[in-house]
């Protein structure tokens, strides 16, 4: 695969915790603008691998990584890597949802508050549209201001 056609590149990547390997010698490339599923049995390192792509494992005590991980041609472990920008470029969908300890409504509009803070008047309509598009509006419309974990 040519350099320009690689969104993610792993070379001889080894991941583990406290000296115990979880993934050994992973080498592969992923094309841009595609959906890739990582499948395997429980405990096989799927989540560890995915979290590595966003550097979400960096502060986990005992986490160890060897090898090279590139996103869009850049080594994500370079001292010049902006981790926040990296996380904007790599999208992950995990098996179990992660909700903030806020209301359903606040969880739905969370991204809007961050990316378009000056347009608060649009939040209710855009939140409803997102829930309708996901076919969730009828299920949650009467509970929007209740905690999301209910």
N, C-alpha and C. Protein backbone atom coordinates (compact mmCIF):
# COMPACT_ATOMS: atom_id res chain seq x y z
N UNK A 1 0.85 -1.17 0.00
CA UNK A 1 0.00 0.00 0.00
C UNK A 1 0.90 1.23 0.00
N UNK A 2 0.64 2.17 -0.90
CA UNK A 2 1.50 3.35 -0.97
C UNK A 2 1.35 4.21 0.27
N UNK A 3 2.36 5.03 0.53
CA UNK A 3 2.39 5.90 1.71
C UNK A 3 1.14 6.78 1.77
N UNK A 4 0.69 7.28 0.61
CA UNK A 4 -0.46 8.18 0.58
C UNK A 4 -1.78 7.46 0.88
N UNK A 5 -1.81 6.16 0.76
CA UNK A 5 -3.04 5.42 0.97
C UNK A 5 -3.13 4.81 2.36
N UNK A 6 -2.29 5.24 3.29
CA UNK A 6 -2.29 4.71 4.65
C UNK A 6 -2.81 5.77 5.61
N UNK A 7 -3.88 5.45 6.30
CA UNK A 7 -4.36 6.34 7.35
C UNK A 7 -3.68 5.97 8.66
N UNK A 8 -3.54 4.67 8.87
CA UNK A 8 -2.90 4.14 10.08
C UNK A 8 -1.89 3.09 9.67
N UNK A 9 -0.72 3.14 10.28
CA UNK A 9 0.34 2.16 9.99
C UNK A 9 0.95 1.71 11.31
N UNK A 10 0.97 0.42 11.54
CA UNK A 10 1.65 -0.14 12.71
C UNK A 10 2.81 -0.99 12.21
N UNK A 11 3.97 -0.83 12.85
CA UNK A 11 5.16 -1.60 12.48
C UNK A 11 5.75 -2.24 13.72
N UNK A 12 5.71 -3.56 13.77
CA UNK A 12 6.30 -4.32 14.87
C UNK A 12 5.86 -3.81 16.24
N UNK A 13 4.56 -3.59 16.39
CA UNK A 13 4.02 -3.03 17.63
C UNK A 13 3.77 -4.14 18.64
N UNK A 14 4.27 -3.92 19.83
CA UNK A 14 4.07 -4.84 20.95
C UNK A 14 3.43 -4.02 22.07
N UNK A 15 2.32 -4.53 22.61
CA UNK A 15 1.60 -3.85 23.69
C UNK A 15 1.45 -4.79 24.86
N UNK A 16 1.56 -4.25 26.06
CA UNK A 16 1.40 -5.10 27.23
C UNK A 16 1.26 -4.29 28.50
N UNK A 17 1.09 -5.01 29.59
CA UNK A 17 0.94 -4.40 30.91
C UNK A 17 1.85 -5.14 31.89
N UNK A 18 2.67 -4.39 32.61
CA UNK A 18 3.54 -4.95 33.64
C UNK A 18 4.36 -6.13 33.12
N UNK A 19 4.89 -6.00 31.90
CA UNK A 19 5.73 -7.04 31.33
C UNK A 19 4.99 -8.20 30.69
N UNK A 20 3.66 -8.22 30.79
CA UNK A 20 2.86 -9.28 30.19
C UNK A 20 2.35 -8.82 28.82
N UNK A 21 2.77 -9.45 27.73
CA UNK A 21 2.33 -9.02 26.41
C UNK A 21 0.84 -9.28 26.17
N UNK A 22 0.20 -8.33 25.52
CA UNK A 22 -1.20 -8.48 25.12
C UNK A 22 -1.26 -8.61 23.60
N UNK A 23 -0.44 -7.82 22.92
CA UNK A 23 -0.32 -7.89 21.45
C UNK A 23 1.16 -7.95 21.15
N UNK A 24 1.54 -8.89 20.29
CA UNK A 24 2.95 -9.03 19.95
C UNK A 24 3.16 -8.88 18.45
N UNK A 25 4.09 -8.03 18.08
CA UNK A 25 4.56 -7.87 16.70
C UNK A 25 3.43 -7.61 15.70
N UNK A 26 2.55 -6.67 16.00
CA UNK A 26 1.49 -6.31 15.06
C UNK A 26 2.04 -5.37 13.99
N UNK A 27 1.83 -5.74 12.75
CA UNK A 27 2.23 -4.92 11.61
C UNK A 27 1.08 -4.92 10.62
N UNK A 28 0.51 -3.75 10.36
CA UNK A 28 -0.55 -3.64 9.36
C UNK A 28 -0.78 -2.17 9.01
N UNK A 29 -1.53 -1.96 7.93
CA UNK A 29 -1.88 -0.61 7.49
C UNK A 29 -3.38 -0.56 7.23
N UNK A 30 -3.99 0.59 7.52
CA UNK A 30 -5.41 0.81 7.28
C UNK A 30 -5.57 1.96 6.29
N UNK A 31 -6.47 1.80 5.36
CA UNK A 31 -6.73 2.84 4.36
C UNK A 31 -7.58 3.96 4.95
N UNK A 32 -7.43 5.17 4.42
CA UNK A 32 -8.27 6.27 4.90
C UNK A 32 -9.72 6.13 4.43
N UNK A 33 -10.62 6.75 5.17
CA UNK A 33 -12.04 6.82 4.83
C UNK A 33 -12.68 5.44 4.71
N UNK A 34 -12.26 4.52 5.54
CA UNK A 34 -12.85 3.19 5.57
C UNK A 34 -13.24 2.86 7.00
N UNK A 35 -14.06 1.86 7.14
CA UNK A 35 -14.44 1.36 8.46
C UNK A 35 -13.72 0.04 8.64
N UNK A 36 -13.05 -0.11 9.76
CA UNK A 36 -12.32 -1.33 10.06
C UNK A 36 -12.82 -1.89 11.37
N UNK A 37 -13.16 -3.16 11.39
CA UNK A 37 -13.60 -3.81 12.63
C UNK A 37 -12.44 -4.62 13.19
N UNK A 38 -12.26 -4.53 14.49
CA UNK A 38 -11.25 -5.34 15.18
C UNK A 38 -12.02 -6.37 15.98
N UNK A 39 -11.84 -7.64 15.64
CA UNK A 39 -12.59 -8.70 16.30
C UNK A 39 -11.65 -9.72 16.92
N UNK A 40 -12.13 -10.38 17.96
CA UNK A 40 -11.35 -11.40 18.62
C UNK A 40 -11.98 -11.74 19.95
N UNK A 41 -11.51 -12.78 20.59
CA UNK A 41 -12.08 -13.18 21.88
C UNK A 41 -11.77 -12.16 22.98
N UNK A 42 -12.53 -12.25 24.04
CA UNK A 42 -12.32 -11.39 25.20
C UNK A 42 -10.89 -11.54 25.70
N UNK A 43 -10.26 -10.41 26.00
CA UNK A 43 -8.90 -10.45 26.54
C UNK A 43 -7.80 -10.56 25.50
N UNK A 44 -8.17 -10.49 24.21
CA UNK A 44 -7.15 -10.67 23.17
C UNK A 44 -6.41 -9.38 22.81
N UNK A 45 -6.79 -8.24 23.41
CA UNK A 45 -6.07 -7.00 23.18
C UNK A 45 -6.74 -6.02 22.24
N UNK A 46 -7.99 -6.28 21.86
CA UNK A 46 -8.68 -5.39 20.92
C UNK A 46 -8.77 -3.96 21.46
N UNK A 47 -9.27 -3.82 22.67
CA UNK A 47 -9.42 -2.48 23.26
C UNK A 47 -8.07 -1.82 23.49
N UNK A 48 -7.09 -2.59 23.92
CA UNK A 48 -5.74 -2.04 24.12
C UNK A 48 -5.20 -1.49 22.81
N UNK A 49 -5.38 -2.23 21.74
CA UNK A 49 -4.92 -1.79 20.43
C UNK A 49 -5.62 -0.50 20.01
N UNK A 50 -6.94 -0.48 20.13
CA UNK A 50 -7.69 0.71 19.72
C UNK A 50 -7.33 1.93 20.55
N UNK A 51 -7.21 1.74 21.86
CA UNK A 51 -6.84 2.87 22.73
C UNK A 51 -5.44 3.38 22.40
N UNK A 52 -4.58 2.51 21.92
CA UNK A 52 -3.22 2.91 21.55
C UNK A 52 -3.24 3.88 20.38
N UNK A 53 -4.19 3.72 19.45
CA UNK A 53 -4.26 4.60 18.29
C UNK A 53 -4.56 6.04 18.67
N UNK A 54 -5.15 6.26 19.84
CA UNK A 54 -5.45 7.62 20.33
C UNK A 54 -4.58 7.99 21.52
N UNK A 55 -3.64 7.14 21.86
CA UNK A 55 -2.75 7.33 23.02
C UNK A 55 -3.53 7.42 24.33
N UNK A 56 -4.60 6.68 24.41
CA UNK A 56 -5.40 6.66 25.63
C UNK A 56 -4.80 5.76 26.70
N UNK A 57 -3.80 4.97 26.34
CA UNK A 57 -3.14 4.07 27.30
C UNK A 57 -1.94 4.73 27.98
N UNK A 58 -1.53 5.87 27.50
CA UNK A 58 -0.28 6.48 27.95
C UNK A 58 -0.15 6.60 29.46
N UNK A 59 -1.22 6.89 30.14
CA UNK A 59 -1.14 7.13 31.59
C UNK A 59 -1.61 5.95 32.43
N UNK A 60 -1.85 4.82 31.79
CA UNK A 60 -2.24 3.63 32.54
C UNK A 60 -0.98 3.04 33.17
N UNK A 61 -0.95 2.91 34.50
CA UNK A 61 0.24 2.36 35.16
C UNK A 61 0.59 0.97 34.61
N UNK A 62 1.85 0.79 34.27
CA UNK A 62 2.32 -0.50 33.79
C UNK A 62 2.16 -0.74 32.31
N UNK A 63 1.52 0.19 31.59
CA UNK A 63 1.34 -0.01 30.15
C UNK A 63 2.68 0.13 29.45
N UNK A 64 2.93 -0.77 28.50
CA UNK A 64 4.19 -0.75 27.75
C UNK A 64 3.89 -0.87 26.26
N UNK A 65 4.65 -0.12 25.46
CA UNK A 65 4.50 -0.15 24.01
C UNK A 65 5.87 -0.12 23.37
N UNK A 66 6.05 -0.96 22.38
CA UNK A 66 7.24 -0.94 21.54
C UNK A 66 6.76 -0.91 20.11
N UNK A 67 7.61 -0.43 19.21
CA UNK A 67 7.25 -0.38 17.80
C UNK A 67 6.78 1.00 17.41
N UNK A 68 6.36 1.11 16.17
CA UNK A 68 5.99 2.42 15.61
C UNK A 68 4.52 2.43 15.22
N UNK A 69 3.82 3.50 15.62
CA UNK A 69 2.42 3.71 15.26
C UNK A 69 2.33 5.05 14.55
N UNK A 70 1.82 5.04 13.32
CA UNK A 70 1.67 6.28 12.56
C UNK A 70 0.20 6.49 12.22
N UNK A 71 -0.22 7.74 12.30
CA UNK A 71 -1.54 8.15 11.83
C UNK A 71 -1.32 9.28 10.84
N UNK A 72 -1.82 9.09 9.64
CA UNK A 72 -1.65 10.07 8.55
C UNK A 72 -0.18 10.40 8.33
N UNK A 73 0.67 9.38 8.41
CA UNK A 73 2.09 9.53 8.12
C UNK A 73 2.94 10.10 9.23
N UNK A 74 2.33 10.34 10.41
CA UNK A 74 3.10 10.92 11.52
C UNK A 74 3.19 9.94 12.68
N UNK A 75 4.37 9.84 13.25
CA UNK A 75 4.58 8.99 14.43
C UNK A 75 3.80 9.60 15.59
N UNK A 76 2.81 8.87 16.11
CA UNK A 76 1.95 9.45 17.15
C UNK A 76 2.66 9.56 18.49
N UNK A 77 3.81 8.93 18.63
CA UNK A 77 4.56 9.01 19.89
C UNK A 77 5.72 10.00 19.82
N UNK A 78 5.76 10.78 18.74
CA UNK A 78 6.76 11.84 18.61
C UNK A 78 6.48 12.91 19.67
N UNK A 79 7.53 13.55 20.14
CA UNK A 79 7.36 14.62 21.14
C UNK A 79 6.58 15.80 20.56
N UNK A 80 6.48 15.87 19.25
CA UNK A 80 5.76 16.97 18.61
C UNK A 80 4.29 16.67 18.37
N UNK A 81 3.84 15.47 18.71
CA UNK A 81 2.45 15.10 18.49
C UNK A 81 1.54 15.81 19.49
N UNK A 82 0.52 16.48 18.96
CA UNK A 82 -0.52 17.09 19.78
C UNK A 82 -1.59 16.01 20.00
N UNK A 83 -1.65 15.48 21.20
CA UNK A 83 -2.55 14.36 21.50
C UNK A 83 -4.01 14.75 21.27
N UNK A 84 -4.37 15.98 21.58
CA UNK A 84 -5.75 16.42 21.38
C UNK A 84 -6.11 16.44 19.90
N UNK A 85 -5.20 16.90 19.06
CA UNK A 85 -5.42 16.90 17.62
C UNK A 85 -5.49 15.46 17.10
N UNK A 86 -4.63 14.59 17.60
CA UNK A 86 -4.67 13.19 17.21
C UNK A 86 -6.04 12.60 17.49
N UNK A 87 -6.60 12.89 18.65
CA UNK A 87 -7.90 12.34 19.03
C UNK A 87 -9.04 12.92 18.20
N UNK A 88 -8.82 14.06 17.59
CA UNK A 88 -9.82 14.62 16.67
C UNK A 88 -9.78 13.89 15.33
N UNK A 89 -8.64 13.30 14.99
CA UNK A 89 -8.46 12.66 13.69
C UNK A 89 -8.83 11.18 13.69
N UNK A 90 -8.82 10.55 14.84
CA UNK A 90 -9.08 9.11 14.92
C UNK A 90 -10.40 8.90 15.64
N UNK A 91 -11.35 8.28 14.97
CA UNK A 91 -12.65 8.01 15.58
C UNK A 91 -12.76 6.55 15.97
N UNK A 92 -13.18 6.30 17.18
CA UNK A 92 -13.37 4.94 17.67
C UNK A 92 -14.79 4.78 18.19
N UNK A 93 -15.38 3.63 17.94
CA UNK A 93 -16.69 3.30 18.50
C UNK A 93 -16.49 2.04 19.33
N UNK A 94 -16.64 2.18 20.63
CA UNK A 94 -16.42 1.05 21.52
C UNK A 94 -17.69 0.24 21.72
N UNK A 95 -17.53 -0.98 22.14
CA UNK A 95 -18.61 -1.93 22.35
C UNK A 95 -19.61 -1.41 23.38
N UNK A 96 -19.11 -0.84 24.45
CA UNK A 96 -19.98 -0.31 25.49
C UNK A 96 -19.95 1.21 25.43
N UNK A 97 -21.12 1.85 25.46
CA UNK A 97 -21.13 3.32 25.39
C UNK A 97 -20.55 3.94 26.65
N UNK A 98 -19.99 5.09 26.47
CA UNK A 98 -19.44 5.85 27.59
C UNK A 98 -20.21 7.16 27.66
N UNK A 99 -20.96 7.35 28.73
CA UNK A 99 -21.72 8.59 28.87
C UNK A 99 -21.12 9.42 29.99
N UNK A 100 -21.26 10.73 29.85
CA UNK A 100 -20.80 11.63 30.90
C UNK A 100 -21.83 11.65 32.02
N UNK A 101 -21.41 11.96 33.23
CA UNK A 101 -22.36 11.98 34.35
C UNK A 101 -23.22 13.24 34.28
N UNK A 102 -23.97 13.34 33.22
CA UNK A 102 -24.84 14.48 32.94
C UNK A 102 -26.16 13.95 32.41
N UNK A 103 -27.06 14.85 32.07
CA UNK A 103 -28.36 14.45 31.53
C UNK A 103 -28.20 13.89 30.12
N UNK A 104 -29.25 13.23 29.64
CA UNK A 104 -29.26 12.73 28.27
C UNK A 104 -29.01 13.90 27.31
N UNK A 105 -29.74 14.99 27.52
CA UNK A 105 -29.61 16.17 26.67
C UNK A 105 -28.17 16.69 26.67
N UNK A 106 -27.56 16.83 27.83
CA UNK A 106 -26.19 17.35 27.91
C UNK A 106 -25.20 16.42 27.21
N UNK A 107 -25.43 15.11 27.27
CA UNK A 107 -24.56 14.18 26.55
C UNK A 107 -24.72 14.34 25.04
N UNK A 108 -25.95 14.53 24.59
CA UNK A 108 -26.20 14.66 23.15
C UNK A 108 -25.57 15.93 22.59
N UNK A 109 -25.64 17.03 23.32
CA UNK A 109 -25.12 18.30 22.79
C UNK A 109 -23.69 18.59 23.23
N UNK A 110 -23.05 17.66 23.89
CA UNK A 110 -21.71 17.89 24.42
C UNK A 110 -20.75 18.43 23.36
N UNK A 111 -20.71 17.82 22.21
CA UNK A 111 -19.81 18.26 21.14
C UNK A 111 -20.13 19.66 20.65
N UNK A 112 -21.42 20.01 20.61
CA UNK A 112 -21.81 21.35 20.18
C UNK A 112 -21.27 22.41 21.14
N UNK A 113 -21.35 22.13 22.44
CA UNK A 113 -20.86 23.10 23.43
C UNK A 113 -19.37 23.38 23.21
N UNK A 114 -18.65 22.37 22.77
CA UNK A 114 -17.21 22.50 22.57
C UNK A 114 -16.88 23.17 21.23
N UNK A 115 -17.59 22.75 20.17
CA UNK A 115 -17.23 23.19 18.82
C UNK A 115 -17.96 24.43 18.34
N UNK A 116 -19.18 24.68 18.81
CA UNK A 116 -19.93 25.87 18.38
C UNK A 116 -20.58 26.55 19.58
N UNK A 117 -19.77 26.99 20.54
CA UNK A 117 -20.32 27.53 21.78
C UNK A 117 -21.17 28.78 21.60
N UNK A 118 -20.97 29.52 20.54
CA UNK A 118 -21.73 30.75 20.33
C UNK A 118 -23.12 30.55 19.77
N UNK A 119 -23.52 29.30 19.55
CA UNK A 119 -24.82 29.03 18.93
C UNK A 119 -25.72 28.20 19.85
N UNK A 120 -25.75 28.57 21.12
CA UNK A 120 -26.53 27.82 22.11
C UNK A 120 -28.01 27.74 21.75
N UNK A 121 -28.52 28.75 21.07
CA UNK A 121 -29.93 28.75 20.68
C UNK A 121 -30.29 27.61 19.75
N UNK A 122 -29.31 27.08 19.03
CA UNK A 122 -29.55 25.97 18.10
C UNK A 122 -29.48 24.60 18.78
N UNK A 123 -28.96 24.55 19.99
CA UNK A 123 -28.71 23.26 20.63
C UNK A 123 -29.96 22.39 20.77
N UNK A 124 -31.10 22.92 21.26
CA UNK A 124 -32.27 22.05 21.43
C UNK A 124 -32.72 21.41 20.11
N UNK A 125 -32.80 22.21 19.06
CA UNK A 125 -33.24 21.68 17.77
C UNK A 125 -32.24 20.67 17.21
N UNK A 126 -30.96 20.99 17.32
CA UNK A 126 -29.94 20.08 16.79
C UNK A 126 -29.88 18.79 17.61
N UNK A 127 -30.06 18.91 18.93
CA UNK A 127 -30.10 17.72 19.77
C UNK A 127 -31.26 16.82 19.41
N UNK A 128 -32.43 17.43 19.22
CA UNK A 128 -33.60 16.63 18.83
C UNK A 128 -33.37 15.97 17.48
N UNK A 129 -32.80 16.71 16.53
CA UNK A 129 -32.55 16.15 15.19
C UNK A 129 -31.60 14.95 15.29
N UNK A 130 -30.57 15.07 16.10
CA UNK A 130 -29.62 13.96 16.26
C UNK A 130 -30.31 12.73 16.84
N UNK A 131 -31.16 12.95 17.84
CA UNK A 131 -31.87 11.82 18.45
C UNK A 131 -32.87 11.21 17.47
N UNK A 132 -33.53 12.05 16.68
CA UNK A 132 -34.47 11.51 15.67
C UNK A 132 -33.70 10.71 14.61
N UNK A 133 -32.56 11.25 14.18
CA UNK A 133 -31.76 10.55 13.17
C UNK A 133 -31.28 9.19 13.66
N UNK A 134 -31.07 9.09 14.97
CA UNK A 134 -30.63 7.82 15.57
C UNK A 134 -31.81 6.96 16.03
N UNK A 135 -33.03 7.42 15.71
CA UNK A 135 -34.26 6.71 16.09
C UNK A 135 -34.38 6.53 17.60
N UNK A 136 -33.93 7.54 18.35
CA UNK A 136 -34.00 7.48 19.81
C UNK A 136 -34.95 8.51 20.41
N UNK A 137 -35.44 9.45 19.61
CA UNK A 137 -36.24 10.54 20.13
C UNK A 137 -37.46 10.05 20.92
N UNK A 138 -38.24 9.16 20.35
CA UNK A 138 -39.45 8.68 21.03
C UNK A 138 -39.12 8.00 22.35
N UNK A 139 -37.98 7.35 22.41
CA UNK A 139 -37.59 6.64 23.62
C UNK A 139 -37.15 7.58 24.75
N UNK A 140 -36.52 8.70 24.41
CA UNK A 140 -35.94 9.55 25.46
C UNK A 140 -36.54 10.95 25.58
N UNK A 141 -37.46 11.32 24.72
CA UNK A 141 -37.94 12.71 24.69
C UNK A 141 -38.50 13.19 26.02
N UNK A 142 -39.06 12.30 26.83
CA UNK A 142 -39.62 12.70 28.12
C UNK A 142 -38.61 12.59 29.26
N UNK A 143 -37.39 12.17 28.94
CA UNK A 143 -36.36 11.98 29.98
C UNK A 143 -35.09 12.76 29.68
N UNK A 144 -35.17 13.75 28.81
CA UNK A 144 -33.97 14.47 28.36
C UNK A 144 -33.15 15.06 29.49
N UNK A 145 -33.81 15.46 30.57
CA UNK A 145 -33.07 16.12 31.65
C UNK A 145 -32.81 15.20 32.84
N UNK A 146 -33.01 13.91 32.61
CA UNK A 146 -32.64 12.91 33.61
C UNK A 146 -31.23 12.42 33.32
N UNK A 147 -30.57 11.83 34.31
CA UNK A 147 -29.21 11.32 34.08
C UNK A 147 -29.17 10.33 32.91
N UNK A 148 -28.13 10.40 32.12
CA UNK A 148 -28.00 9.55 30.94
C UNK A 148 -27.85 8.08 31.28
N UNK A 149 -27.39 7.76 32.45
CA UNK A 149 -27.17 6.36 32.81
C UNK A 149 -28.45 5.63 33.19
N UNK A 150 -29.61 6.30 33.18
CA UNK A 150 -30.87 5.63 33.55
C UNK A 150 -31.54 5.01 32.35
